[in-house]
Amino acid sequence: MTTDEFCTAVQARRAAQDRKWGVGTQRDCDRFLAILLEEVGEVAKELNEGRDLDRLVDELVDVAAVCAKWAEWGLPPTEDRSGVALVAEGVERG
């Protein structure tokens, strides 16, 4: 999987998260950390038990999507769902 393919998969997973839980869902940092650690645990489980590269990559996409959602949560609403450019430009978090 290329970096571009990985990023596309993360964007698709983020869209699925929004469909499942809603775009405006507010969660606190503790909740995001719990979700992230659960997803990291799935990566570890796949490494220890599965060794299936496709499933491992799928779990890594989940980790990245949770991180993206957490980063977006602290950014002001924008058309640019990545949020990366806004942080780089020094936009203050709301």
C-alpha atoms as a PDB file:
ATOM      1  CA  MET A   1       0.000   0.000   0.000  1.00  0.00           C
ATOM      2  CA  THR A   2       1.355   3.399  -0.941  1.00  0.00           C
ATOM      3  CA  THR A   3       1.140   6.458   1.282  1.00  0.00           C
ATOM      4  CA  ASP A   4      -1.513   7.919  -1.025  1.00  0.00           C
ATOM      5  CA  GLU A   5      -3.564   4.734  -0.820  1.00  0.00           C
ATOM      6  CA  PHE A   6      -3.228   4.718   2.964  1.00  0.00           C
ATOM      7  CA  CYS A   7      -4.354   8.354   3.212  1.00  0.00           C
ATOM      8  CA  THR A   8      -7.313   7.637   0.941  1.00  0.00           C
ATOM      9  CA  ALA A   9      -8.274   4.690   3.154  1.00  0.00           C
ATOM     10  CA  VAL A  10      -8.040   6.895   6.259  1.00  0.00           C
ATOM     11  CA  GLN A  11     -10.249   9.536   4.639  1.00  0.00           C
ATOM     12  CA  ALA A  12     -12.810   6.857   3.763  1.00  0.00           C
ATOM     13  CA  ARG A  13     -12.733   5.517   7.332  1.00  0.00           C
ATOM     14  CA  ARG A  14     -13.190   9.053   8.687  1.00  0.00           C
ATOM     15  CA  ALA A  15     -16.245   9.481   6.476  1.00  0.00           C
ATOM     16  CA  ALA A  16     -17.599   6.180   7.808  1.00  0.00           C
ATOM     17  CA  GLN A  17     -17.033   7.400  11.385  1.00  0.00           C
ATOM     18  CA  ASP A  18     -19.021  10.550  10.650  1.00  0.00           C
ATOM     19  CA  ARG A  19     -21.861   8.511   9.140  1.00  0.00           C
ATOM     20  CA  LYS A  20     -21.877   6.206  12.162  1.00  0.00           C
ATOM     21  CA  TRP A  21     -21.472   8.729  14.998  1.00  0.00           C
ATOM     22  CA  GLY A  22     -22.284  12.073  13.362  1.00  0.00           C
ATOM     23  CA  VAL A  23     -20.010  14.910  12.292  1.00  0.00           C
ATOM     24  CA  GLY A  24     -20.552  17.061  15.343  1.00  0.00           C
ATOM     25  CA  THR A  25     -20.082  14.386  17.965  1.00  0.00           C
ATOM     26  CA  GLN A  26     -18.177  15.934  20.853  1.00  0.00           C
ATOM     27  CA  ARG A  27     -15.982  13.661  22.922  1.00  0.00           C
ATOM     28  CA  ASP A  28     -13.517  14.545  25.619  1.00  0.00           C
ATOM     29  CA  CYS A  29      -9.796  13.778  25.431  1.00  0.00           C
ATOM     30  CA  ASP A  30     -10.121  10.854  27.831  1.00  0.00           C
ATOM     31  CA  ARG A  31     -12.689   9.233  25.547  1.00  0.00           C
ATOM     32  CA  PHE A  32     -10.522   9.781  22.453  1.00  0.00           C
ATOM     33  CA  LEU A  33      -7.548   8.252  24.264  1.00  0.00           C
ATOM     34  CA  ALA A  34      -9.604   5.214  25.264  1.00  0.00           C
ATOM     35  CA  ILE A  35     -10.781   4.706  21.677  1.00  0.00           C
ATOM     36  CA  LEU A  36      -7.261   5.165  20.325  1.00  0.00           C
ATOM     37  CA  LEU A  37      -5.765   2.681  22.785  1.00  0.00           C
ATOM     38  CA  GLU A  38      -8.447   0.142  21.916  1.00  0.00           C
ATOM     39  CA  GLU A  39      -7.522   0.483  18.250  1.00  0.00           C
ATOM     40  CA  VAL A  40      -3.788   0.210  19.027  1.00  0.00           C
ATOM     41  CA  GLY A  41      -4.644  -2.931  20.986  1.00  0.00           C
ATOM     42  CA  GLU A  42      -6.234  -4.354  17.846  1.00  0.00           C
ATOM     43  CA  VAL A  43      -2.949  -3.717  15.987  1.00  0.00           C
ATOM     44  CA  ALA A  44      -1.039  -5.545  18.735  1.00  0.00           C
ATOM     45  CA  LYS A  45      -3.513  -8.411  18.693  1.00  0.00           C
ATOM     46  CA  GLU A  46      -3.128  -8.798  14.937  1.00  0.00           C
ATOM     47  CA  LEU A  47       0.654  -8.787  15.282  1.00  0.00           C
ATOM     48  CA  ASN A  48       0.562 -11.394  18.060  1.00  0.00           C
ATOM     49  CA  GLU A  49      -2.198 -13.651  16.781  1.00  0.00           C
ATOM     50  CA  GLY A  50      -2.970 -13.031  13.161  1.00  0.00           C
ATOM     51  CA  ARG A  51      -0.059 -11.948  11.047  1.00  0.00           C
ATOM     52  CA  ASP A  52      -2.490 -11.153   8.225  1.00  0.00           C
ATOM     53  CA  LEU A  53      -1.034  -8.107   6.457  1.00  0.00           C
ATOM     54  CA  ASP A  54      -4.397  -6.923   5.081  1.00  0.00           C
ATOM     55  CA  ARG A  55      -6.017  -7.039   8.522  1.00  0.00           C
ATOM     56  CA  LEU A  56      -2.987  -5.343  10.089  1.00  0.00           C
ATOM     57  CA  VAL A  57      -3.164  -2.502   7.576  1.00  0.00           C
ATOM     58  CA  ASP A  58      -6.917  -2.227   8.195  1.00  0.00           C
ATOM     59  CA  GLU A  59      -6.253  -1.839  11.922  1.00  0.00           C
ATOM     60  CA  LEU A  60      -3.561   0.774  11.228  1.00  0.00           C
ATOM     61  CA  VAL A  61      -6.099   2.696   9.132  1.00  0.00           C
ATOM     62  CA  ASP A  62      -8.450   2.603  12.143  1.00  0.00           C
ATOM     63  CA  VAL A  63      -5.705   4.034  14.375  1.00  0.00           C
ATOM     64  CA  ALA A  64      -4.982   6.837  11.912  1.00  0.00           C
ATOM     65  CA  ALA A  65      -8.682   7.628  11.485  1.00  0.00           C
ATOM     66  CA  VAL A  66      -9.182   7.945  15.250  1.00  0.00           C
ATOM     67  CA  CYS A  67      -6.137  10.237  15.440  1.00  0.00           C
ATOM     68  CA  ALA A  68      -7.514  12.342  12.588  1.00  0.00           C
ATOM     69  CA  LYS A  69     -10.919  12.643  14.275  1.00  0.00           C
ATOM     70  CA  TRP A  70      -9.279  13.637  17.560  1.00  0.00           C
ATOM     71  CA  ALA A  71      -7.201  16.301  15.790  1.00  0.00           C
ATOM     72  CA  GLU A  72     -10.264  17.596  13.919  1.00  0.00           C
ATOM     73  CA  TRP A  73     -12.255  17.760  17.155  1.00  0.00           C
ATOM     74  CA  GLY A  74      -9.926  20.466  18.465  1.00  0.00           C
ATOM     75  CA  LEU A  75      -9.996  22.519  15.256  1.00  0.00           C
ATOM     76  CA  PRO A  76     -12.557  25.091  14.140  1.00  0.00           C
ATOM     77  CA  PRO A  77     -15.127  23.912  11.545  1.00  0.00           C
ATOM     78  CA  THR A  78     -13.731  24.045   8.029  1.00  0.00           C
ATOM     79  CA  GLU A  79     -14.228  22.773   4.527  1.00  0.00           C
ATOM     80  CA  ASP A  80     -10.734  21.258   4.763  1.00  0.00           C
ATOM     81  CA  ARG A  81     -11.402  18.060   6.732  1.00  0.00           C
ATOM     82  CA  SER A  82      -7.703  17.251   7.038  1.00  0.00           C
ATOM     83  CA  GLY A  83      -7.052  20.120   9.459  1.00  0.00           C
ATOM     84  CA  VAL A  84      -3.320  19.806   8.820  1.00  0.00           C
ATOM     85  CA  ALA A  85      -3.030  23.038   6.858  1.00  0.00           C
ATOM     86  CA  LEU A  86      -4.941  24.932   9.534  1.00  0.00           C
ATOM     87  CA  VAL A  87      -2.595  23.807  12.287  1.00  0.00           C
ATOM     88  CA  ALA A  88       0.442  24.603  10.164  1.00  0.00           C
ATOM     89  CA  GLU A  89      -0.936  28.102   9.545  1.00  0.00           C
ATOM     90  CA  GLY A  90      -1.348  28.709  13.272  1.00  0.00           C
ATOM     91  CA  VAL A  91      -5.150  28.730  13.493  1.00  0.00           C
ATOM     92  CA  GLU A  92      -6.047  28.670  17.167  1.00  0.00           C
ATOM     93  CA  ARG A  93      -8.087  25.759  18.390  1.00  0.00           C
ATOM     94  CA  GLY A  94     -11.603  26.439  19.561  1.00  0.00           C
END
